[in-house]
N, C-alpha and C. Protein backbone atom coordinates (compact mmCIF):
# COMPACT_ATOMS: atom_id res chain seq x y z
N UNK A 1 -157.16 -122.10 -29.00
CA UNK A 1 -158.16 -121.20 -28.49
C UNK A 1 -159.51 -121.91 -28.35
N UNK A 2 -159.66 -123.09 -28.95
CA UNK A 2 -160.93 -123.81 -28.89
C UNK A 2 -161.33 -124.13 -27.45
N UNK A 3 -160.38 -124.57 -26.63
CA UNK A 3 -160.68 -124.89 -25.24
C UNK A 3 -161.08 -123.62 -24.49
N UNK A 4 -160.38 -122.53 -24.75
CA UNK A 4 -160.72 -121.26 -24.11
C UNK A 4 -162.11 -120.80 -24.56
N UNK A 5 -162.49 -121.08 -25.82
CA UNK A 5 -163.80 -120.67 -26.31
C UNK A 5 -164.91 -121.36 -25.55
N UNK A 6 -164.73 -122.65 -25.19
CA UNK A 6 -165.75 -123.35 -24.44
C UNK A 6 -165.96 -122.68 -23.08
N UNK A 7 -164.89 -122.35 -22.40
CA UNK A 7 -164.99 -121.65 -21.12
C UNK A 7 -165.57 -120.26 -21.33
N UNK A 8 -165.13 -119.58 -22.37
CA UNK A 8 -165.61 -118.25 -22.67
C UNK A 8 -167.11 -118.27 -22.95
N UNK A 9 -167.56 -119.26 -23.70
CA UNK A 9 -168.99 -119.36 -23.98
C UNK A 9 -169.79 -119.56 -22.71
N UNK A 10 -169.27 -120.34 -21.76
CA UNK A 10 -169.96 -120.52 -20.48
C UNK A 10 -170.05 -119.21 -19.73
N UNK A 11 -168.97 -118.44 -19.71
CA UNK A 11 -168.95 -117.16 -19.00
C UNK A 11 -169.94 -116.20 -19.64
N UNK A 12 -169.90 -116.11 -20.97
CA UNK A 12 -170.78 -115.18 -21.66
C UNK A 12 -172.23 -115.59 -21.46
N UNK A 13 -172.51 -116.88 -21.55
CA UNK A 13 -173.87 -117.36 -21.34
C UNK A 13 -174.39 -116.97 -19.97
N UNK A 14 -173.52 -117.00 -18.97
CA UNK A 14 -173.96 -116.64 -17.63
C UNK A 14 -174.19 -115.14 -17.49
N UNK A 15 -173.63 -114.35 -18.38
CA UNK A 15 -173.77 -112.90 -18.30
C UNK A 15 -174.93 -112.35 -19.12
N UNK A 16 -175.36 -113.12 -20.09
CA UNK A 16 -176.40 -112.66 -21.01
C UNK A 16 -177.77 -113.07 -20.50
N UNK A 17 -178.74 -112.18 -20.65
CA UNK A 17 -180.13 -112.53 -20.31
C UNK A 17 -180.61 -113.63 -21.23
N UNK A 18 -181.60 -114.36 -20.81
CA UNK A 18 -182.18 -115.44 -21.61
C UNK A 18 -182.97 -114.82 -22.76
N UNK A 19 -182.37 -114.87 -23.96
CA UNK A 19 -182.99 -114.25 -25.13
C UNK A 19 -184.13 -115.09 -25.71
N UNK A 20 -184.36 -116.28 -25.15
CA UNK A 20 -185.44 -117.12 -25.65
C UNK A 20 -186.79 -116.71 -25.09
N UNK A 21 -186.79 -115.87 -24.11
CA UNK A 21 -188.04 -115.40 -23.51
C UNK A 21 -188.75 -114.47 -24.49
N UNK A 22 -189.88 -114.91 -25.02
CA UNK A 22 -190.58 -114.15 -26.06
C UNK A 22 -191.00 -112.77 -25.59
N UNK A 23 -191.37 -112.63 -24.33
CA UNK A 23 -191.81 -111.33 -23.83
C UNK A 23 -190.68 -110.32 -23.87
N UNK A 24 -189.47 -110.75 -23.49
CA UNK A 24 -188.35 -109.80 -23.50
C UNK A 24 -187.98 -109.43 -24.92
N UNK A 25 -188.13 -110.36 -25.87
CA UNK A 25 -187.83 -110.05 -27.26
C UNK A 25 -188.84 -109.05 -27.80
N UNK A 26 -190.11 -109.20 -27.43
CA UNK A 26 -191.13 -108.28 -27.92
C UNK A 26 -190.96 -106.90 -27.30
N UNK A 27 -190.52 -106.83 -26.05
CA UNK A 27 -190.39 -105.56 -25.35
C UNK A 27 -189.17 -104.77 -25.80
N UNK A 28 -188.13 -105.46 -26.23
CA UNK A 28 -186.89 -104.78 -26.61
C UNK A 28 -186.61 -104.97 -28.09
N UNK A 29 -186.71 -103.89 -28.89
CA UNK A 29 -186.39 -104.03 -30.31
C UNK A 29 -184.89 -104.30 -30.48
N UNK A 30 -184.56 -105.05 -31.53
CA UNK A 30 -183.15 -105.36 -31.78
C UNK A 30 -182.42 -104.11 -32.23
N UNK A 31 -181.20 -103.97 -31.76
CA UNK A 31 -180.35 -102.85 -32.11
C UNK A 31 -179.83 -103.06 -33.53
N UNK A 32 -180.03 -102.07 -34.38
CA UNK A 32 -179.54 -102.18 -35.74
C UNK A 32 -178.12 -101.62 -35.82
N UNK A 33 -177.29 -102.35 -36.51
CA UNK A 33 -175.89 -101.94 -36.66
C UNK A 33 -175.79 -100.90 -37.76
N UNK A 34 -175.14 -99.79 -37.47
CA UNK A 34 -174.95 -98.74 -38.47
C UNK A 34 -173.54 -98.78 -39.06
N UNK A 35 -172.64 -99.48 -38.43
CA UNK A 35 -171.27 -99.58 -38.93
C UNK A 35 -170.69 -100.91 -38.46
N UNK A 36 -169.51 -101.24 -38.97
CA UNK A 36 -168.85 -102.46 -38.52
C UNK A 36 -168.57 -102.36 -37.03
N UNK A 37 -168.65 -103.49 -36.33
CA UNK A 37 -168.51 -103.45 -34.88
C UNK A 37 -167.10 -103.15 -34.40
N UNK A 38 -166.10 -103.43 -35.21
CA UNK A 38 -164.71 -103.20 -34.80
C UNK A 38 -164.06 -102.22 -35.76
N UNK A 39 -163.47 -101.19 -35.19
CA UNK A 39 -162.78 -100.19 -35.98
C UNK A 39 -161.31 -100.21 -35.57
N UNK A 40 -160.45 -100.50 -36.52
CA UNK A 40 -159.01 -100.45 -36.27
C UNK A 40 -158.49 -99.10 -36.72
N UNK A 41 -157.66 -98.48 -35.91
CA UNK A 41 -157.00 -97.26 -36.34
C UNK A 41 -155.87 -97.66 -37.29
N UNK A 42 -155.37 -96.73 -38.09
CA UNK A 42 -154.24 -97.06 -38.96
C UNK A 42 -153.02 -97.59 -38.19
N UNK A 43 -152.78 -97.04 -36.98
CA UNK A 43 -151.64 -97.52 -36.18
C UNK A 43 -151.84 -98.96 -35.74
N UNK A 44 -153.07 -99.31 -35.33
CA UNK A 44 -153.35 -100.68 -34.91
C UNK A 44 -153.21 -101.63 -36.10
N UNK A 45 -153.73 -101.24 -37.25
CA UNK A 45 -153.64 -102.09 -38.44
C UNK A 45 -152.18 -102.31 -38.84
N UNK A 46 -151.38 -101.27 -38.74
CA UNK A 46 -149.95 -101.38 -39.08
C UNK A 46 -149.25 -102.37 -38.13
N UNK A 47 -149.55 -102.27 -36.84
CA UNK A 47 -148.94 -103.16 -35.86
C UNK A 47 -149.40 -104.61 -36.06
N UNK A 48 -150.66 -104.81 -36.37
CA UNK A 48 -151.18 -106.15 -36.62
C UNK A 48 -150.50 -106.75 -37.85
N UNK A 49 -150.33 -105.95 -38.90
CA UNK A 49 -149.60 -106.40 -40.09
C UNK A 49 -148.16 -106.75 -39.78
N UNK A 50 -147.54 -105.95 -38.93
CA UNK A 50 -146.15 -106.20 -38.53
C UNK A 50 -146.04 -107.53 -37.77
N UNK A 51 -146.96 -107.77 -36.86
CA UNK A 51 -146.96 -109.03 -36.10
C UNK A 51 -147.16 -110.21 -37.05
N UNK A 52 -148.11 -110.08 -37.97
CA UNK A 52 -148.37 -111.17 -38.93
C UNK A 52 -147.11 -111.49 -39.73
N UNK A 53 -146.41 -110.46 -40.18
CA UNK A 53 -145.19 -110.67 -40.97
C UNK A 53 -144.05 -111.24 -40.14
N UNK A 54 -143.84 -110.69 -38.95
CA UNK A 54 -142.74 -111.15 -38.10
C UNK A 54 -142.93 -112.60 -37.66
N UNK A 55 -144.17 -112.98 -37.40
CA UNK A 55 -144.47 -114.34 -36.96
C UNK A 55 -144.65 -115.30 -38.13
N UNK A 56 -144.62 -114.75 -39.36
CA UNK A 56 -144.82 -115.55 -40.58
C UNK A 56 -146.09 -116.40 -40.48
N UNK A 57 -147.18 -115.74 -40.12
CA UNK A 57 -148.46 -116.43 -39.90
C UNK A 57 -149.10 -116.81 -41.23
N UNK A 58 -149.76 -117.95 -41.22
CA UNK A 58 -150.44 -118.49 -42.39
C UNK A 58 -151.58 -117.55 -42.81
N UNK A 59 -151.84 -117.47 -44.10
CA UNK A 59 -152.89 -116.60 -44.62
C UNK A 59 -154.29 -117.03 -44.22
N UNK A 60 -154.47 -118.30 -43.78
CA UNK A 60 -155.81 -118.74 -43.39
C UNK A 60 -156.15 -118.36 -41.95
N UNK A 61 -155.27 -117.61 -41.29
CA UNK A 61 -155.56 -117.11 -39.94
C UNK A 61 -156.12 -115.70 -40.03
N UNK A 62 -157.17 -115.46 -39.26
CA UNK A 62 -157.83 -114.16 -39.22
C UNK A 62 -157.56 -113.50 -37.88
N UNK A 63 -157.71 -112.20 -37.83
CA UNK A 63 -157.63 -111.49 -36.56
C UNK A 63 -158.93 -111.73 -35.81
N UNK A 64 -158.84 -112.32 -34.62
CA UNK A 64 -160.02 -112.55 -33.79
C UNK A 64 -160.06 -111.51 -32.68
N UNK A 65 -161.22 -110.88 -32.54
CA UNK A 65 -161.48 -109.97 -31.43
C UNK A 65 -162.56 -110.64 -30.58
N UNK A 66 -162.30 -110.75 -29.29
CA UNK A 66 -163.21 -111.48 -28.41
C UNK A 66 -163.15 -110.89 -27.00
N UNK A 67 -164.00 -111.42 -26.15
CA UNK A 67 -163.97 -111.10 -24.72
C UNK A 67 -163.91 -112.41 -23.95
N UNK A 68 -163.43 -112.32 -22.73
CA UNK A 68 -163.46 -113.48 -21.84
C UNK A 68 -163.65 -112.98 -20.41
N UNK A 69 -164.17 -113.85 -19.59
CA UNK A 69 -164.37 -113.51 -18.19
C UNK A 69 -163.02 -113.34 -17.51
N UNK A 70 -162.92 -112.35 -16.65
CA UNK A 70 -161.68 -112.11 -15.92
C UNK A 70 -161.29 -110.65 -15.97
N UNK A 71 -160.17 -110.36 -15.41
CA UNK A 71 -159.71 -108.98 -15.33
C UNK A 71 -160.33 -108.29 -14.13
N UNK A 72 -159.81 -107.14 -13.79
CA UNK A 72 -160.27 -106.48 -12.58
C UNK A 72 -161.67 -105.86 -12.73
N UNK A 73 -162.18 -105.73 -13.96
CA UNK A 73 -163.52 -105.16 -14.13
C UNK A 73 -164.57 -106.18 -14.54
N UNK A 74 -164.18 -107.44 -14.75
CA UNK A 74 -165.17 -108.48 -15.05
C UNK A 74 -164.96 -109.18 -16.38
N UNK A 75 -164.69 -108.44 -17.45
CA UNK A 75 -164.45 -109.00 -18.76
C UNK A 75 -163.14 -108.44 -19.30
N UNK A 76 -162.41 -109.27 -20.05
CA UNK A 76 -161.15 -108.85 -20.66
C UNK A 76 -161.23 -108.99 -22.17
N UNK A 77 -160.49 -108.13 -22.86
CA UNK A 77 -160.42 -108.20 -24.31
C UNK A 77 -159.41 -109.26 -24.72
N UNK A 78 -159.71 -109.94 -25.82
CA UNK A 78 -158.80 -110.92 -26.41
C UNK A 78 -158.57 -110.51 -27.86
N UNK A 79 -157.33 -110.51 -28.26
CA UNK A 79 -156.95 -110.13 -29.61
C UNK A 79 -155.88 -111.12 -30.05
N UNK A 80 -156.09 -111.79 -31.16
CA UNK A 80 -155.11 -112.76 -31.63
C UNK A 80 -155.51 -113.31 -32.98
N UNK A 81 -154.67 -114.17 -33.53
CA UNK A 81 -154.94 -114.78 -34.82
C UNK A 81 -155.51 -116.17 -34.60
N UNK A 82 -156.53 -116.51 -35.41
CA UNK A 82 -157.24 -117.77 -35.21
C UNK A 82 -157.85 -118.22 -36.53
N UNK A 83 -158.27 -119.47 -36.56
CA UNK A 83 -158.96 -120.03 -37.71
C UNK A 83 -160.43 -119.65 -37.62
N UNK A 84 -161.02 -119.32 -38.75
CA UNK A 84 -162.44 -118.94 -38.80
C UNK A 84 -163.31 -120.19 -38.66
N UNK A 85 -164.34 -120.09 -37.82
CA UNK A 85 -165.30 -121.18 -37.65
C UNK A 85 -166.59 -120.83 -38.40
N UNK A 86 -167.48 -121.79 -38.51
CA UNK A 86 -168.76 -121.56 -39.20
C UNK A 86 -169.61 -120.52 -38.47
N UNK A 87 -169.45 -120.40 -37.16
CA UNK A 87 -170.25 -119.46 -36.38
C UNK A 87 -169.73 -118.02 -36.47
N UNK A 88 -168.47 -117.85 -36.78
CA UNK A 88 -167.86 -116.52 -36.79
C UNK A 88 -168.47 -115.62 -37.84
N UNK A 89 -168.55 -114.34 -37.50
CA UNK A 89 -168.94 -113.32 -38.47
C UNK A 89 -167.67 -112.61 -38.91
N UNK A 90 -167.62 -112.27 -40.18
CA UNK A 90 -166.43 -111.66 -40.78
C UNK A 90 -166.69 -110.18 -41.03
N UNK A 91 -165.73 -109.35 -40.63
CA UNK A 91 -165.80 -107.92 -40.84
C UNK A 91 -164.46 -107.46 -41.39
N UNK A 92 -164.43 -106.25 -41.92
CA UNK A 92 -163.18 -105.68 -42.43
C UNK A 92 -162.98 -104.29 -41.86
N UNK A 93 -161.74 -104.00 -41.51
CA UNK A 93 -161.36 -102.66 -41.10
C UNK A 93 -159.92 -102.44 -41.52
N UNK A 94 -159.64 -101.31 -42.12
CA UNK A 94 -158.29 -101.00 -42.59
C UNK A 94 -157.75 -102.14 -43.49
N UNK A 95 -158.62 -102.72 -44.30
CA UNK A 95 -158.27 -103.82 -45.21
C UNK A 95 -157.82 -105.08 -44.50
N UNK A 96 -158.10 -105.22 -43.21
CA UNK A 96 -157.81 -106.45 -42.48
C UNK A 96 -159.12 -107.16 -42.18
N UNK A 97 -159.12 -108.48 -42.35
CA UNK A 97 -160.30 -109.27 -42.06
C UNK A 97 -160.31 -109.65 -40.58
N UNK A 98 -161.45 -109.41 -39.95
CA UNK A 98 -161.61 -109.62 -38.51
C UNK A 98 -162.76 -110.60 -38.31
N UNK A 99 -162.56 -111.57 -37.43
CA UNK A 99 -163.63 -112.51 -37.10
C UNK A 99 -164.07 -112.29 -35.65
N UNK A 100 -165.39 -112.44 -35.44
CA UNK A 100 -165.97 -112.29 -34.11
C UNK A 100 -167.06 -113.33 -33.95
N UNK A 101 -167.05 -114.01 -32.82
CA UNK A 101 -168.14 -114.92 -32.48
C UNK A 101 -169.36 -114.03 -32.20
N UNK A 102 -170.51 -114.33 -32.81
CA UNK A 102 -171.70 -113.48 -32.62
C UNK A 102 -172.09 -113.27 -31.15
N UNK A 103 -171.76 -114.22 -30.28
CA UNK A 103 -172.08 -114.07 -28.85
C UNK A 103 -171.32 -112.90 -28.22
N UNK A 104 -170.24 -112.49 -28.84
CA UNK A 104 -169.40 -111.43 -28.28
C UNK A 104 -169.78 -110.04 -28.80
N UNK A 105 -170.60 -110.02 -29.85
CA UNK A 105 -170.91 -108.74 -30.49
C UNK A 105 -171.59 -107.75 -29.55
N UNK A 106 -172.42 -108.22 -28.63
CA UNK A 106 -173.09 -107.27 -27.73
C UNK A 106 -172.10 -106.54 -26.84
N UNK A 107 -170.94 -107.11 -26.64
CA UNK A 107 -169.91 -106.47 -25.82
C UNK A 107 -168.93 -105.64 -26.65
N UNK A 108 -168.84 -105.93 -27.95
CA UNK A 108 -167.80 -105.32 -28.78
C UNK A 108 -168.32 -104.33 -29.81
N UNK A 109 -169.61 -104.26 -30.03
CA UNK A 109 -170.17 -103.44 -31.09
C UNK A 109 -169.75 -101.97 -30.94
N UNK A 110 -169.01 -101.48 -31.91
CA UNK A 110 -168.56 -100.09 -31.91
C UNK A 110 -167.19 -99.88 -31.31
N UNK A 111 -166.49 -100.93 -30.92
CA UNK A 111 -165.18 -100.79 -30.29
C UNK A 111 -164.14 -100.28 -31.28
N UNK A 112 -163.28 -99.41 -30.79
CA UNK A 112 -162.15 -98.92 -31.58
C UNK A 112 -160.87 -99.42 -30.95
N UNK A 113 -160.04 -100.04 -31.77
CA UNK A 113 -158.76 -100.58 -31.30
C UNK A 113 -157.64 -99.72 -31.87
N UNK A 114 -156.78 -99.25 -30.98
CA UNK A 114 -155.67 -98.39 -31.38
C UNK A 114 -154.37 -99.02 -30.90
N UNK A 115 -153.26 -98.48 -31.38
CA UNK A 115 -151.94 -98.93 -30.92
C UNK A 115 -151.04 -97.71 -30.75
N UNK A 116 -151.17 -97.02 -29.60
CA UNK A 116 -150.27 -95.89 -29.34
C UNK A 116 -148.84 -96.40 -29.20
N UNK A 117 -147.91 -95.68 -29.75
CA UNK A 117 -146.52 -96.14 -29.66
C UNK A 117 -145.60 -95.04 -29.14
N UNK A 118 -146.16 -94.14 -28.33
CA UNK A 118 -145.37 -93.07 -27.75
C UNK A 118 -144.61 -93.53 -26.51
N UNK A 119 -143.92 -92.61 -25.89
CA UNK A 119 -143.13 -92.92 -24.71
C UNK A 119 -143.99 -93.27 -23.50
N UNK A 120 -145.16 -92.64 -23.40
CA UNK A 120 -145.99 -92.87 -22.21
C UNK A 120 -146.99 -94.01 -22.38
N UNK A 121 -147.19 -94.50 -23.59
CA UNK A 121 -148.15 -95.60 -23.80
C UNK A 121 -147.70 -96.42 -25.00
N UNK A 122 -147.73 -97.71 -24.84
CA UNK A 122 -147.39 -98.61 -25.94
C UNK A 122 -148.22 -99.87 -25.76
N UNK A 123 -148.83 -100.32 -26.83
CA UNK A 123 -149.64 -101.52 -26.80
C UNK A 123 -151.05 -101.23 -27.29
N UNK A 124 -151.81 -102.27 -27.51
CA UNK A 124 -153.17 -102.12 -28.01
C UNK A 124 -154.06 -101.53 -26.92
N UNK A 125 -154.90 -100.59 -27.33
CA UNK A 125 -155.89 -99.99 -26.42
C UNK A 125 -157.27 -100.20 -27.03
N UNK A 126 -158.28 -100.24 -26.17
CA UNK A 126 -159.65 -100.52 -26.58
C UNK A 126 -160.56 -99.42 -26.07
N UNK A 127 -161.23 -98.75 -26.99
CA UNK A 127 -162.22 -97.73 -26.65
C UNK A 127 -163.59 -98.33 -26.95
N UNK A 128 -164.27 -98.77 -25.89
CA UNK A 128 -165.51 -99.52 -26.04
C UNK A 128 -166.70 -98.70 -25.55
N UNK A 129 -167.62 -98.33 -26.46
CA UNK A 129 -168.79 -97.54 -26.05
C UNK A 129 -169.78 -98.35 -25.20
N UNK A 130 -169.63 -99.67 -25.14
CA UNK A 130 -170.54 -100.52 -24.37
C UNK A 130 -170.10 -100.68 -22.92
N UNK A 131 -168.90 -100.27 -22.59
CA UNK A 131 -168.36 -100.47 -21.24
C UNK A 131 -168.94 -99.42 -20.29
N UNK A 132 -169.50 -99.90 -19.19
CA UNK A 132 -170.00 -98.98 -18.17
C UNK A 132 -168.87 -98.54 -17.25
N UNK A 133 -167.85 -99.37 -17.15
CA UNK A 133 -166.64 -99.02 -16.40
C UNK A 133 -165.49 -99.86 -16.94
N UNK A 134 -164.29 -99.36 -16.74
CA UNK A 134 -163.11 -100.12 -17.16
C UNK A 134 -162.00 -99.90 -16.15
N UNK A 135 -161.03 -100.79 -16.20
CA UNK A 135 -159.93 -100.70 -15.24
C UNK A 135 -158.93 -99.63 -15.70
N UNK A 136 -157.99 -99.31 -14.85
CA UNK A 136 -157.01 -98.28 -15.15
C UNK A 136 -156.13 -98.59 -16.33
N UNK A 137 -155.81 -99.87 -16.53
CA UNK A 137 -154.93 -100.24 -17.64
C UNK A 137 -155.70 -100.37 -18.95
N UNK A 138 -157.05 -100.41 -18.91
CA UNK A 138 -157.86 -100.46 -20.12
C UNK A 138 -157.99 -101.83 -20.74
N UNK A 139 -157.53 -102.88 -20.06
CA UNK A 139 -157.60 -104.20 -20.66
C UNK A 139 -158.81 -105.00 -20.20
N UNK A 140 -159.58 -104.47 -19.26
CA UNK A 140 -160.80 -105.15 -18.83
C UNK A 140 -161.91 -104.12 -18.64
N UNK A 141 -163.16 -104.61 -18.65
CA UNK A 141 -164.30 -103.70 -18.57
C UNK A 141 -165.51 -104.41 -17.99
N UNK A 142 -166.53 -103.64 -17.69
CA UNK A 142 -167.82 -104.17 -17.21
C UNK A 142 -168.91 -103.53 -18.05
N UNK A 143 -170.04 -104.22 -18.13
CA UNK A 143 -171.18 -103.66 -18.87
C UNK A 143 -172.36 -103.52 -17.95
């Protein structure tokens, strides 16, 4: 995922305003976090645990939630197991440790990840309060 992160960082950098501009920092107060940025439903946590067990994944791998450029709406969600880097922020939901690159937090803050397993829907779904629009399948979004 390291190679993908370099490309992902380039995409995110091109989407984010230049935060080094002192005037924009003074004009816009920083958003304070009231809760963890990622919320896993019990069904999602159960499925993630099942995947970890079936794949016999090492305990030093964390669940990474990220975004990358692409998809029909502009950005796509990434969910997978990865090694924690020094830059990553660590969060917990449903007793699972989740890592997020801080550059992705503006896109993911408040996201809820579910895993419906009914006849009409199966797979991880993302309910993102930051998305201004999303595609029909729910795997990509725009801000």
